[in-house]
């Protein structure tokens, strides 16, 4: 299978994801809770998994740099949310954000392990 890797496409996707996620975390919350307490943490985890993947694919930064940038963005989100009357800052949000980063690296490790062992295509 032939895959074409183009960092510019990932950078474009990262830009849209960053804008979309920033809009969601700074706008007035109006999502359904579905009867699940702290359901927003799932969104934080997923958003930071996505941002980590797109950032990694865009720039191939070392894990410590990528993790630092994601942590900085997560802290920035919480600081800004603390200033908004319709939002609040929560340590749990930061933990969920960083869990998304950790889950991305676990996913990357799993992918590389499968690839190295010949269990998936070496594209």
PDB file of N, CA and C in Angstrom:
ATOM      1  N   UNK A   1       0.843  -1.167   0.000  1.00  0.00           N
ATOM      2  CA  UNK A   1       0.000   0.000   0.000  1.00  0.00           C
ATOM      3  C   UNK A   1       0.892   1.235   0.000  1.00  0.00           C
ATOM      4  N   UNK A   2       0.601   2.168  -0.866  1.00  0.00           N
ATOM      5  CA  UNK A   2       1.380   3.395  -0.984  1.00  0.00           C
ATOM      6  C   UNK A   2       0.696   4.514  -0.216  1.00  0.00           C
ATOM      7  N   UNK A   3       1.411   5.054   0.751  1.00  0.00           N
ATOM      8  CA  UNK A   3       0.904   6.192   1.509  1.00  0.00           C
ATOM      9  C   UNK A   3       1.782   7.391   1.217  1.00  0.00           C
ATOM     10  N   UNK A   4       1.160   8.515   1.025  1.00  0.00           N
ATOM     11  CA  UNK A   4       1.908   9.749   0.783  1.00  0.00           C
ATOM     12  C   UNK A   4       1.818  10.581   2.054  1.00  0.00           C
ATOM     13  N   UNK A   5       2.966  10.877   2.624  1.00  0.00           N
ATOM     14  CA  UNK A   5       3.013  11.666   3.850  1.00  0.00           C
ATOM     15  C   UNK A   5       3.340  13.102   3.485  1.00  0.00           C
ATOM     16  N   UNK A   6       2.447  14.010   3.840  1.00  0.00           N
ATOM     17  CA  UNK A   6       2.659  15.422   3.559  1.00  0.00           C
ATOM     18  C   UNK A   6       2.419  16.219   4.845  1.00  0.00           C
ATOM     19  N   UNK A   7       3.500  16.682   5.497  1.00  0.00           N
ATOM     20  CA  UNK A   7       3.333  17.424   6.753  1.00  0.00           C
ATOM     21  C   UNK A   7       2.425  18.642   6.622  1.00  0.00           C
ATOM     22  N   UNK A   8       2.388  19.272   5.463  1.00  0.00           N
ATOM     23  CA  UNK A   8       1.549  20.464   5.279  1.00  0.00           C
ATOM     24  C   UNK A   8       0.063  20.146   5.470  1.00  0.00           C
ATOM     25  N   UNK A   9      -0.359  18.968   5.024  1.00  0.00           N
ATOM     26  CA  UNK A   9      -1.758  18.574   5.217  1.00  0.00           C
ATOM     27  C   UNK A   9      -2.067  18.385   6.700  1.00  0.00           C
ATOM     28  N   UNK A  10      -1.126  17.778   7.416  1.00  0.00           N
ATOM     29  CA  UNK A  10      -1.308  17.608   8.857  1.00  0.00           C
ATOM     30  C   UNK A  10      -1.306  18.962   9.564  1.00  0.00           C
ATOM     31  N   UNK A  11      -0.467  19.873   9.116  1.00  0.00           N
ATOM     32  CA  UNK A  11      -0.420  21.210   9.717  1.00  0.00           C
ATOM     33  C   UNK A  11      -1.733  21.956   9.485  1.00  0.00           C
ATOM     34  N   UNK A  12      -2.312  21.794   8.301  1.00  0.00           N
ATOM     35  CA  UNK A  12      -3.609  22.410   8.015  1.00  0.00           C
ATOM     36  C   UNK A  12      -4.686  21.808   8.915  1.00  0.00           C
ATOM     37  N   UNK A  13      -4.689  20.484   9.018  1.00  0.00           N
ATOM     38  CA  UNK A  13      -5.658  19.818   9.893  1.00  0.00           C
ATOM     39  C   UNK A  13      -5.456  20.240  11.345  1.00  0.00           C
ATOM     40  N   UNK A  14      -4.201  20.375  11.770  1.00  0.00           N
ATOM     41  CA  UNK A  14      -3.897  20.825  13.132  1.00  0.00           C
ATOM     42  C   UNK A  14      -4.444  22.229  13.371  1.00  0.00           C
ATOM     43  N   UNK A  15      -4.301  23.097  12.397  1.00  0.00           N
ATOM     44  CA  UNK A  15      -4.819  24.465  12.530  1.00  0.00           C
ATOM     45  C   UNK A  15      -6.327  24.466  12.736  1.00  0.00           C
ATOM     46  N   UNK A  16      -7.038  23.685  11.925  1.00  0.00           N
ATOM     47  CA  UNK A  16      -8.495  23.609  12.061  1.00  0.00           C
ATOM     48  C   UNK A  16      -8.890  22.977  13.391  1.00  0.00           C
ATOM     49  N   UNK A  17      -8.184  21.923  13.792  1.00  0.00           N
ATOM     50  CA  UNK A  17      -8.485  21.273  15.072  1.00  0.00           C
ATOM     51  C   UNK A  17      -8.240  22.229  16.234  1.00  0.00           C
ATOM     52  N   UNK A  18      -7.131  22.942  16.195  1.00  0.00           N
ATOM     53  CA  UNK A  18      -6.798  23.905  17.248  1.00  0.00           C
ATOM     54  C   UNK A  18      -7.875  24.988  17.349  1.00  0.00           C
ATOM     55  N   UNK A  19      -8.285  25.521  16.210  1.00  0.00           N
ATOM     56  CA  UNK A  19      -9.326  26.556  16.208  1.00  0.00           C
ATOM     57  C   UNK A  19     -10.656  26.007  16.724  1.00  0.00           C
ATOM     58  N   UNK A  20     -11.023  24.834  16.245  1.00  0.00           N
ATOM     59  CA  UNK A  20     -12.291  24.231  16.664  1.00  0.00           C
ATOM     60  C   UNK A  20     -12.314  23.896  18.144  1.00  0.00           C
ATOM     61  N   UNK A  21     -11.245  23.303  18.634  1.00  0.00           N
ATOM     62  CA  UNK A  21     -11.175  22.940  20.051  1.00  0.00           C
ATOM     63  C   UNK A  21     -11.137  24.193  20.915  1.00  0.00           C
ATOM     64  N   UNK A  22     -10.379  25.190  20.489  1.00  0.00           N
ATOM     65  CA  UNK A  22     -10.334  26.448  21.246  1.00  0.00           C
ATOM     66  C   UNK A  22     -11.719  27.085  21.315  1.00  0.00           C
ATOM     67  N   UNK A  23     -12.441  27.073  20.212  1.00  0.00           N
ATOM     68  CA  UNK A  23     -13.803  27.614  20.214  1.00  0.00           C
ATOM     69  C   UNK A  23     -14.670  26.871  21.225  1.00  0.00           C
ATOM     70  N   UNK A  24     -14.586  25.543  21.211  1.00  0.00           N
ATOM     71  CA  UNK A  24     -15.425  24.747  22.109  1.00  0.00           C
ATOM     72  C   UNK A  24     -15.092  24.981  23.580  1.00  0.00           C
ATOM     73  N   UNK A  25     -13.808  25.071  23.913  1.00  0.00           N
ATOM     74  CA  UNK A  25     -13.446  25.201  25.334  1.00  0.00           C
ATOM     75  C   UNK A  25     -13.655  26.611  25.872  1.00  0.00           C
ATOM     76  N   UNK A  26     -13.770  27.599  24.983  1.00  0.00           N
ATOM     77  CA  UNK A  26     -13.974  28.970  25.452  1.00  0.00           C
ATOM     78  C   UNK A  26     -15.412  29.452  25.286  1.00  0.00           C
ATOM     79  N   UNK A  27     -16.235  28.700  24.574  1.00  0.00           N
ATOM     80  CA  UNK A  27     -17.626  29.119  24.381  1.00  0.00           C
ATOM     81  C   UNK A  27     -18.483  28.629  25.557  1.00  0.00           C
ATOM     82  N   UNK A  28     -19.692  29.139  25.608  1.00  0.00           N
ATOM     83  CA  UNK A  28     -20.621  28.748  26.676  1.00  0.00           C
ATOM     84  C   UNK A  28     -20.996  27.278  26.475  1.00  0.00           C
ATOM     85  N   UNK A  29     -20.834  26.439  27.511  1.00  0.00           N
ATOM     86  CA  UNK A  29     -21.131  25.007  27.338  1.00  0.00           C
ATOM     87  C   UNK A  29     -22.622  24.772  27.110  1.00  0.00           C
ATOM     88  N   UNK A  30     -22.926  23.955  26.118  1.00  0.00           N
ATOM     89  CA  UNK A  30     -24.326  23.614  25.856  1.00  0.00           C
ATOM     90  C   UNK A  30     -24.445  22.179  25.353  1.00  0.00           C
ATOM     91  N   UNK A  31     -23.507  21.338  25.745  1.00  0.00           N
ATOM     92  CA  UNK A  31     -23.533  19.951  25.312  1.00  0.00           C
ATOM     93  C   UNK A  31     -24.378  19.124  26.287  1.00  0.00           C
ATOM     94  N   UNK A  32     -24.980  18.037  25.796  1.00  0.00           N
ATOM     95  CA  UNK A  32     -25.780  17.193  26.689  1.00  0.00           C
ATOM     96  C   UNK A  32     -24.865  16.367  27.602  1.00  0.00           C
ATOM     97  N   UNK A  33     -25.275  16.183  28.841  1.00  0.00           N
ATOM     98  CA  UNK A  33     -24.460  15.399  29.777  1.00  0.00           C
ATOM     99  C   UNK A  33     -24.754  13.914  29.674  1.00  0.00           C
ATOM    100  N   UNK A  34     -25.857  13.544  29.065  1.00  0.00           N
ATOM    101  CA  UNK A  34     -26.256  12.150  28.890  1.00  0.00           C
ATOM    102  C   UNK A  34     -26.336  11.418  30.228  1.00  0.00           C
ATOM    103  N   UNK A  35     -26.540  12.161  31.299  1.00  0.00           N
ATOM    104  CA  UNK A  35     -26.646  11.548  32.613  1.00  0.00           C
ATOM    105  C   UNK A  35     -25.325  11.053  33.175  1.00  0.00           C
ATOM    106  N   UNK A  36     -24.222  11.400  32.534  1.00  0.00           N
ATOM    107  CA  UNK A  36     -22.896  10.961  32.980  1.00  0.00           C
ATOM    108  C   UNK A  36     -22.188  12.154  33.609  1.00  0.00           C
ATOM    109  N   UNK A  37     -21.802  11.991  34.861  1.00  0.00           N
ATOM    110  CA  UNK A  37     -21.086  13.065  35.540  1.00  0.00           C
ATOM    111  C   UNK A  37     -19.685  13.201  34.937  1.00  0.00           C
ATOM    112  N   UNK A  38     -19.236  14.405  34.743  1.00  0.00           N
ATOM    113  CA  UNK A  38     -17.906  14.714  34.196  1.00  0.00           C
ATOM    114  C   UNK A  38     -17.711  14.182  32.769  1.00  0.00           C
ATOM    115  N   UNK A  39     -18.775  14.133  31.980  1.00  0.00           N
ATOM    116  CA  UNK A  39     -18.678  13.642  30.603  1.00  0.00           C
ATOM    117  C   UNK A  39     -17.744  14.516  29.766  1.00  0.00           C
ATOM    118  N   UNK A  40     -17.544  15.760  30.178  1.00  0.00           N
ATOM    119  CA  UNK A  40     -16.651  16.653  29.433  1.00  0.00           C
ATOM    120  C   UNK A  40     -15.205  16.160  29.438  1.00  0.00           C
ATOM    121  N   UNK A  41     -14.861  15.329  30.418  1.00  0.00           N
ATOM    122  CA  UNK A  41     -13.480  14.818  30.492  1.00  0.00           C
ATOM    123  C   UNK A  41     -13.172  13.923  29.287  1.00  0.00           C
ATOM    124  N   UNK A  42     -14.186  13.245  28.782  1.00  0.00           N
ATOM    125  CA  UNK A  42     -14.002  12.412  27.587  1.00  0.00           C
ATOM    126  C   UNK A  42     -13.641  13.303  26.405  1.00  0.00           C
ATOM    127  N   UNK A  43     -14.297  14.451  26.312  1.00  0.00           N
ATOM    128  CA  UNK A  43     -13.977  15.414  25.256  1.00  0.00           C
ATOM    129  C   UNK A  43     -12.561  15.941  25.383  1.00  0.00           C
ATOM    130  N   UNK A  44     -12.143  16.238  26.606  1.00  0.00           N
ATOM    131  CA  UNK A  44     -10.769  16.710  26.831  1.00  0.00           C
ATOM    132  C   UNK A  44      -9.761  15.645  26.397  1.00  0.00           C
ATOM    133  N   UNK A  45      -9.992  14.406  26.820  1.00  0.00           N
ATOM    134  CA  UNK A  45      -9.087  13.316  26.460  1.00  0.00           C
ATOM    135  C   UNK A  45      -9.007  13.159  24.942  1.00  0.00           C
ATOM    136  N   UNK A  46     -10.152  13.107  24.288  1.00  0.00           N
ATOM    137  CA  UNK A  46     -10.178  12.943  22.833  1.00  0.00           C
ATOM    138  C   UNK A  46      -9.552  14.107  22.089  1.00  0.00           C
ATOM    139  N   UNK A  47      -9.828  15.313  22.562  1.00  0.00           N
ATOM    140  CA  UNK A  47      -9.274  16.505  21.906  1.00  0.00           C
ATOM    141  C   UNK A  47      -7.753  16.518  21.992  1.00  0.00           C
ATOM    142  N   UNK A  48      -7.212  16.179  23.150  1.00  0.00           N
ATOM    143  CA  UNK A  48      -5.759  16.215  23.298  1.00  0.00           C
ATOM    144  C   UNK A  48      -5.087  15.015  22.642  1.00  0.00           C
ATOM    145  N   UNK A  49      -5.805  13.898  22.492  1.00  0.00           N
ATOM    146  CA  UNK A  49      -5.263  12.801  21.687  1.00  0.00           C
ATOM    147  C   UNK A  49      -5.126  13.280  20.239  1.00  0.00           C
ATOM    148  N   UNK A  50      -6.188  13.898  19.735  1.00  0.00           N
ATOM    149  CA  UNK A  50      -6.185  14.397  18.355  1.00  0.00           C
ATOM    150  C   UNK A  50      -5.110  15.456  18.149  1.00  0.00           C
ATOM    151  N   UNK A  51      -5.034  16.427  19.051  1.00  0.00           N
ATOM    152  CA  UNK A  51      -4.012  17.474  18.929  1.00  0.00           C
ATOM    153  C   UNK A  51      -2.601  16.882  18.983  1.00  0.00           C
ATOM    154  N   UNK A  52      -2.401  15.891  19.832  1.00  0.00           N
ATOM    155  CA  UNK A  52      -1.080  15.256  19.936  1.00  0.00           C
ATOM    156  C   UNK A  52      -0.723  14.540  18.639  1.00  0.00           C
ATOM    157  N   UNK A  53      -1.677  13.804  18.080  1.00  0.00           N
ATOM    158  CA  UNK A  53      -1.416  13.085  16.833  1.00  0.00           C
ATOM    159  C   UNK A  53      -1.099  14.058  15.700  1.00  0.00           C
ATOM    160  N   UNK A  54      -1.929  15.080  15.559  1.00  0.00           N
ATOM    161  CA  UNK A  54      -1.716  16.034  14.466  1.00  0.00           C
ATOM    162  C   UNK A  54      -0.420  16.827  14.650  1.00  0.00           C
ATOM    163  N   UNK A  55      -0.085  17.171  15.891  1.00  0.00           N
ATOM    164  CA  UNK A  55       1.170  17.880  16.147  1.00  0.00           C
ATOM    165  C   UNK A  55       2.357  16.979  15.842  1.00  0.00           C
ATOM    166  N   UNK A  56       2.284  15.729  16.274  1.00  0.00           N
ATOM    167  CA  UNK A  56       3.362  14.777  16.003  1.00  0.00           C
ATOM    168  C   UNK A  56       3.535  14.586  14.495  1.00  0.00           C
ATOM    169  N   UNK A  57       2.432  14.382  13.789  1.00  0.00           N
ATOM    170  CA  UNK A  57       2.500  14.165  12.340  1.00  0.00           C
ATOM    171  C   UNK A  57       2.965  15.416  11.602  1.00  0.00           C
ATOM    172  N   UNK A  58       2.685  16.576  12.161  1.00  0.00           N
ATOM    173  CA  UNK A  58       3.067  17.835  11.517  1.00  0.00           C
ATOM    174  C   UNK A  58       4.541  18.162  11.684  1.00  0.00           C
ATOM    175  N   UNK A  59       5.073  17.907  12.866  1.00  0.00           N
ATOM    176  CA  UNK A  59       6.414  18.407  13.183  1.00  0.00           C
ATOM    177  C   UNK A  59       7.417  17.349  13.636  1.00  0.00           C
ATOM    178  N   UNK A  60       6.947  16.146  14.001  1.00  0.00           N
ATOM    179  CA  UNK A  60       7.821  15.064  14.485  1.00  0.00           C
ATOM    180  C   UNK A  60       8.676  15.510  15.673  1.00  0.00           C
ATOM    181  N   UNK A  61       8.079  16.314  16.550  1.00  0.00           N
ATOM    182  CA  UNK A  61       8.801  16.760  17.733  1.00  0.00           C
ATOM    183  C   UNK A  61       9.092  15.582  18.649  1.00  0.00           C
ATOM    184  N   UNK A  62      10.141  15.713  19.439  1.00  0.00           N
ATOM    185  CA  UNK A  62      10.438  14.715  20.462  1.00  0.00           C
ATOM    186  C   UNK A  62       9.310  14.736  21.488  1.00  0.00           C
ATOM    187  N   UNK A  63       9.128  13.614  22.169  1.00  0.00           N
ATOM    188  CA  UNK A  63       7.994  13.479  23.082  1.00  0.00           C
ATOM    189  C   UNK A  63       7.997  14.544  24.170  1.00  0.00           C
ATOM    190  N   UNK A  64       9.160  14.906  24.661  1.00  0.00           N
ATOM    191  CA  UNK A  64       9.211  15.877  25.754  1.00  0.00           C
ATOM    192  C   UNK A  64       8.760  17.263  25.278  1.00  0.00           C
ATOM    193  N   UNK A  65       9.088  17.619  24.047  1.00  0.00           N
ATOM    194  CA  UNK A  65       8.673  18.913  23.495  1.00  0.00           C
ATOM    195  C   UNK A  65       7.166  18.912  23.254  1.00  0.00           C
ATOM    196  N   UNK A  66       6.678  17.866  22.610  1.00  0.00           N
ATOM    197  CA  UNK A  66       5.244  17.785  22.323  1.00  0.00           C
ATOM    198  C   UNK A  66       4.436  17.785  23.616  1.00  0.00           C
ATOM    199  N   UNK A  67       4.873  17.007  24.592  1.00  0.00           N
ATOM    200  CA  UNK A  67       4.161  16.947  25.868  1.00  0.00           C
ATOM    201  C   UNK A  67       4.183  18.304  26.567  1.00  0.00           C
ATOM    202  N   UNK A  68       5.312  18.990  26.507  1.00  0.00           N
ATOM    203  CA  UNK A  68       5.411  20.324  27.107  1.00  0.00           C
ATOM    204  C   UNK A  68       4.484  21.325  26.447  1.00  0.00           C
ATOM    205  N   UNK A  69       4.418  21.290  25.125  1.00  0.00           N
ATOM    206  CA  UNK A  69       3.531  22.206  24.395  1.00  0.00           C
ATOM    207  C   UNK A  69       2.070  21.900  24.728  1.00  0.00           C
ATOM    208  N   UNK A  70       1.715  20.623  24.772  1.00  0.00           N
ATOM    209  CA  UNK A  70       0.338  20.253  25.112  1.00  0.00           C
ATOM    210  C   UNK A  70       0.005  20.666  26.547  1.00  0.00           C
ATOM    211  N   UNK A  71       0.947  20.495  27.472  1.00  0.00           N
ATOM    212  CA  UNK A  71       0.716  20.898  28.867  1.00  0.00           C
ATOM    213  C   UNK A  71       0.530  22.409  28.961  1.00  0.00           C
ATOM    214  N   UNK A  72       1.336  23.143  28.222  1.00  0.00           N
ATOM    215  CA  UNK A  72       1.222  24.606  28.216  1.00  0.00           C
ATOM    216  C   UNK A  72      -0.148  25.042  27.691  1.00  0.00           C
ATOM    217  N   UNK A  73      -0.601  24.422  26.610  1.00  0.00           N
ATOM    218  CA  UNK A  73      -1.920  24.742  26.052  1.00  0.00           C
ATOM    219  C   UNK A  73      -3.025  24.375  27.048  1.00  0.00           C
ATOM    220  N   UNK A  74      -2.881  23.223  27.708  1.00  0.00           N
ATOM    221  CA  UNK A  74      -3.884  22.789  28.685  1.00  0.00           C
ATOM    222  C   UNK A  74      -3.970  23.766  29.858  1.00  0.00           C
ATOM    223  N   UNK A  75      -2.825  24.215  30.359  1.00  0.00           N
ATOM    224  CA  UNK A  75      -2.809  25.187  31.459  1.00  0.00           C
ATOM    225  C   UNK A  75      -3.411  26.508  30.993  1.00  0.00           C
ATOM    226  N   UNK A  76      -3.045  26.933  29.784  1.00  0.00           N
ATOM    227  CA  UNK A  76      -3.579  28.179  29.244  1.00  0.00           C
ATOM    228  C   UNK A  76      -5.108  28.127  29.165  1.00  0.00           C
ATOM    229  N   UNK A  77      -5.636  27.002  28.723  1.00  0.00           N
ATOM    230  CA  UNK A  77      -7.091  26.835  28.645  1.00  0.00           C
ATOM    231  C   UNK A  77      -7.716  27.035  30.027  1.00  0.00           C
ATOM    232  N   UNK A  78      -7.151  26.388  31.025  1.00  0.00           N
ATOM    233  CA  UNK A  78      -7.727  26.472  32.372  1.00  0.00           C
ATOM    234  C   UNK A  78      -7.615  27.879  32.950  1.00  0.00           C
ATOM    235  N   UNK A  79      -6.511  28.558  32.710  1.00  0.00           N
ATOM    236  CA  UNK A  79      -6.341  29.935  33.198  1.00  0.00           C
ATOM    237  C   UNK A  79      -7.386  30.850  32.561  1.00  0.00           C
ATOM    238  N   UNK A  80      -7.583  30.714  31.262  1.00  0.00           N
ATOM    239  CA  UNK A  80      -8.580  31.548  30.574  1.00  0.00           C
ATOM    240  C   UNK A  80      -9.988  31.188  31.036  1.00  0.00           C
ATOM    241  N   UNK A  81     -10.272  29.881  31.162  1.00  0.00           N
ATOM    242  CA  UNK A  81     -11.606  29.475  31.611  1.00  0.00           C
ATOM    243  C   UNK A  81     -11.913  29.996  33.014  1.00  0.00           C
ATOM    244  N   UNK A  82     -10.903  30.117  33.856  1.00  0.00           N
ATOM    245  CA  UNK A  82     -11.111  30.641  35.213  1.00  0.00           C
ATOM    246  C   UNK A  82     -11.588  32.093  35.185  1.00  0.00           C
ATOM    247  N   UNK A  83     -11.288  32.795  34.098  1.00  0.00           N
ATOM    248  CA  UNK A  83     -11.679  34.201  33.972  1.00  0.00           C
ATOM    249  C   UNK A  83     -13.058  34.374  33.341  1.00  0.00           C
ATOM    250  N   UNK A  84     -13.601  33.323  32.768  1.00  0.00           N
ATOM    251  CA  UNK A  84     -14.901  33.404  32.097  1.00  0.00           C
ATOM    252  C   UNK A  84     -16.020  33.101  33.090  1.00  0.00           C
ATOM    253  N   UNK A  85     -17.060  33.940  33.131  1.00  0.00           N
ATOM    254  CA  UNK A  85     -18.123  33.736  34.121  1.00  0.00           C
ATOM    255  C   UNK A  85     -18.934  32.457  33.897  1.00  0.00           C
ATOM    256  N   UNK A  86     -18.958  31.938  32.705  1.00  0.00           N
ATOM    257  CA  UNK A  86     -19.743  30.749  32.382  1.00  0.00           C
ATOM    258  C   UNK A  86     -18.878  29.490  32.288  1.00  0.00           C
ATOM    259  N   UNK A  87     -17.625  29.582  32.674  1.00  0.00           N
ATOM    260  CA  UNK A  87     -16.699  28.451  32.668  1.00  0.00           C
ATOM    261  C   UNK A  87     -16.001  28.363  34.010  1.00  0.00           C
ATOM    262  N   UNK A  88     -15.315  27.260  34.246  1.00  0.00           N
ATOM    263  CA  UNK A  88     -14.528  27.122  35.472  1.00  0.00           C
ATOM    264  C   UNK A  88     -13.259  26.339  35.154  1.00  0.00           C
ATOM    265  N   UNK A  89     -12.232  26.601  35.925  1.00  0.00           N
ATOM    266  CA  UNK A  89     -10.975  25.869  35.784  1.00  0.00           C
ATOM    267  C   UNK A  89     -11.036  24.644  36.691  1.00  0.00           C
ATOM    268  N   UNK A  90     -10.600  23.508  36.167  1.00  0.00           N
ATOM    269  CA  UNK A  90     -10.616  22.280  36.954  1.00  0.00           C
ATOM    270  C   UNK A  90      -9.323  21.514  36.738  1.00  0.00           C
ATOM    271  N   UNK A  91      -8.763  21.027  37.828  1.00  0.00           N
ATOM    272  CA  UNK A  91      -7.571  20.187  37.735  1.00  0.00           C
ATOM    273  C   UNK A  91      -7.904  18.921  36.947  1.00  0.00           C
ATOM    274  N   UNK A  92      -9.128  18.432  37.110  1.00  0.00           N
ATOM    275  CA  UNK A  92      -9.559  17.235  36.386  1.00  0.00           C
ATOM    276  C   UNK A  92      -9.496  17.406  34.877  1.00  0.00           C
ATOM    277  N   UNK A  93      -9.753  18.611  34.401  1.00  0.00           N
ATOM    278  CA  UNK A  93      -9.640  18.877  32.964  1.00  0.00           C
ATOM    279  C   UNK A  93      -8.193  18.733  32.510  1.00  0.00           C
ATOM    280  N   UNK A  94      -7.278  19.286  33.299  1.00  0.00           N
ATOM    281  CA  UNK A  94      -5.855  19.176  32.966  1.00  0.00           C
ATOM    282  C   UNK A  94      -5.417  17.710  32.971  1.00  0.00           C
ATOM    283  N   UNK A  95      -5.875  16.960  33.957  1.00  0.00           N
ATOM    284  CA  UNK A  95      -5.535  15.530  34.029  1.00  0.00           C
ATOM    285  C   UNK A  95      -6.081  14.803  32.797  1.00  0.00           C
ATOM    286  N   UNK A  96      -7.303  15.112  32.400  1.00  0.00           N
ATOM    287  CA  UNK A  96      -7.890  14.491  31.208  1.00  0.00           C
ATOM    288  C   UNK A  96      -7.121  14.887  29.952  1.00  0.00           C
ATOM    289  N   UNK A  97      -6.706  16.154  29.872  1.00  0.00           N
ATOM    290  CA  UNK A  97      -5.911  16.617  28.728  1.00  0.00           C
ATOM    291  C   UNK A  97      -4.616  15.818  28.613  1.00  0.00           C
ATOM    292  N   UNK A  98      -3.899  15.710  29.717  1.00  0.00           N
ATOM    293  CA  UNK A  98      -2.612  15.021  29.691  1.00  0.00           C
ATOM    294  C   UNK A  98      -2.792  13.512  29.518  1.00  0.00           C
ATOM    295  N   UNK A  99      -3.938  12.991  29.950  1.00  0.00           N
ATOM    296  CA  UNK A  99      -4.245  11.585  29.692  1.00  0.00           C
ATOM    297  C   UNK A  99      -4.428  11.348  28.199  1.00  0.00           C
ATOM    298  N   UNK A 100      -4.988  12.328  27.504  1.00  0.00           N
ATOM    299  CA  UNK A 100      -5.110  12.235  26.049  1.00  0.00           C
ATOM    300  C   UNK A 100      -3.756  12.188  25.378  1.00  0.00           C
ATOM    301  N   UNK A 101      -2.813  12.977  25.873  1.00  0.00           N
ATOM    302  CA  UNK A 101      -1.442  12.960  25.337  1.00  0.00           C
ATOM    303  C   UNK A 101      -0.808  11.594  25.604  1.00  0.00           C
ATOM    304  N   UNK A 102      -0.958  11.092  26.830  1.00  0.00           N
ATOM    305  CA  UNK A 102      -0.394   9.784  27.180  1.00  0.00           C
ATOM    306  C   UNK A 102      -1.023   8.677  26.338  1.00  0.00           C
ATOM    307  N   UNK A 103      -2.327   8.760  26.114  1.00  0.00           N
ATOM    308  CA  UNK A 103      -3.008   7.759  25.288  1.00  0.00           C
ATOM    309  C   UNK A 103      -2.506   7.809  23.850  1.00  0.00           C
ATOM    310  N   UNK A 104      -2.222   9.010  23.342  1.00  0.00           N
ATOM    311  CA  UNK A 104      -1.645   9.107  22.002  1.00  0.00           C
ATOM    312  C   UNK A 104      -0.320   8.358  21.944  1.00  0.00           C
ATOM    313  N   UNK A 105       0.547   8.575  22.922  1.00  0.00           N
ATOM    314  CA  UNK A 105       1.850   7.901  22.909  1.00  0.00           C
ATOM    315  C   UNK A 105       1.711   6.399  23.103  1.00  0.00           C
ATOM    316  N   UNK A 106       0.728   5.959  23.859  1.00  0.00           N
ATOM    317  CA  UNK A 106       0.460   4.531  23.987  1.00  0.00           C
ATOM    318  C   UNK A 106      -0.002   3.964  22.645  1.00  0.00           C
ATOM    319  N   UNK A 107      -0.851   4.700  21.951  1.00  0.00           N
ATOM    320  CA  UNK A 107      -1.308   4.298  20.619  1.00  0.00           C
ATOM    321  C   UNK A 107      -0.139   4.233  19.640  1.00  0.00           C
ATOM    322  N   UNK A 108       0.725   5.238  19.666  1.00  0.00           N
ATOM    323  CA  UNK A 108       1.894   5.269  18.788  1.00  0.00           C
ATOM    324  C   UNK A 108       2.818   4.097  19.076  1.00  0.00           C
ATOM    325  N   UNK A 109       3.048   3.805  20.350  1.00  0.00           N
ATOM    326  CA  UNK A 109       3.884   2.667  20.733  1.00  0.00           C
ATOM    327  C   UNK A 109       3.268   1.366  20.212  1.00  0.00           C
ATOM    328  N   UNK A 110       1.943   1.204  20.381  1.00  0.00           N
ATOM    329  CA  UNK A 110       1.268   0.003  19.894  1.00  0.00           C
ATOM    330  C   UNK A 110       1.382  -0.146  18.385  1.00  0.00           C
ATOM    331  N   UNK A 111       1.193   0.954  17.671  1.00  0.00           N
ATOM    332  CA  UNK A 111       1.318   0.939  16.212  1.00  0.00           C
ATOM    333  C   UNK A 111       2.723   0.524  15.791  1.00  0.00           C
ATOM    334  N   UNK A 112       3.730   1.128  16.416  1.00  0.00           N
ATOM    335  CA  UNK A 112       5.122   0.805  16.067  1.00  0.00           C
ATOM    336  C   UNK A 112       5.460  -0.644  16.399  1.00  0.00           C
ATOM    337  N   UNK A 113       4.932  -1.143  17.497  1.00  0.00           N
ATOM    338  CA  UNK A 113       5.177  -2.535  17.880  1.00  0.00           C
ATOM    339  C   UNK A 113       4.565  -3.483  16.857  1.00  0.00           C
ATOM    340  N   UNK A 114       3.331  -3.227  16.461  1.00  0.00           N
ATOM    341  CA  UNK A 114       2.677  -4.063  15.454  1.00  0.00           C
ATOM    342  C   UNK A 114       3.416  -4.000  14.125  1.00  0.00           C
ATOM    343  N   UNK A 115       3.852  -2.830  13.751  1.00  0.00           N
ATOM    344  CA  UNK A 115       4.575  -2.645  12.492  1.00  0.00           C
ATOM    345  C   UNK A 115       5.921  -3.377  12.525  1.00  0.00           C
ATOM    346  N   UNK A 116       6.642  -3.234  13.631  1.00  0.00           N
ATOM    347  CA  UNK A 116       7.958  -3.867  13.777  1.00  0.00           C
ATOM    348  C   UNK A 116       7.844  -5.394  13.732  1.00  0.00           C
ATOM    349  N   UNK A 117       6.753  -5.928  14.262  1.00  0.00           N
ATOM    350  CA  UNK A 117       6.554  -7.375  14.287  1.00  0.00           C
ATOM    351  C   UNK A 117       5.881  -7.903  13.024  1.00  0.00           C
ATOM    352  N   UNK A 118       5.686  -7.031  12.042  1.00  0.00           N
ATOM    353  CA  UNK A 118       5.117  -7.445  10.767  1.00  0.00           C
ATOM    354  C   UNK A 118       3.633  -7.753  10.816  1.00  0.00           C
ATOM    355  N   UNK A 119       2.948  -7.284  11.826  1.00  0.00           N
ATOM    356  CA  UNK A 119       1.523  -7.564  11.953  1.00  0.00           C
ATOM    357  C   UNK A 119       0.655  -6.573  11.196  1.00  0.00           C
ATOM    358  N   UNK A 120       1.253  -5.477  10.750  1.00  0.00           N
ATOM    359  CA  UNK A 120       0.564  -4.536   9.872  1.00  0.00           C
ATOM    360  C   UNK A 120       1.516  -4.161   8.749  1.00  0.00           C
ATOM    361  N   UNK A 121       0.948  -3.609   7.689  1.00  0.00           N
ATOM    362  CA  UNK A 121       1.732  -3.201   6.519  1.00  0.00           C
ATOM    363  C   UNK A 121       2.874  -2.268   6.897  1.00  0.00           C
ATOM    364  N   UNK A 122       3.960  -2.360   6.217  1.00  0.00           N
ATOM    365  CA  UNK A 122       5.108  -1.481   6.457  1.00  0.00           C
ATOM    366  C   UNK A 122       5.067  -0.272   5.533  1.00  0.00           C
ATOM    367  N   UNK A 123       3.899   0.291   5.321  1.00  0.00           N
ATOM    368  CA  UNK A 123       3.751   1.449   4.427  1.00  0.00           C
ATOM    369  C   UNK A 123       4.438   2.660   4.980  1.00  0.00           C
TER     370      UNK A 123
END
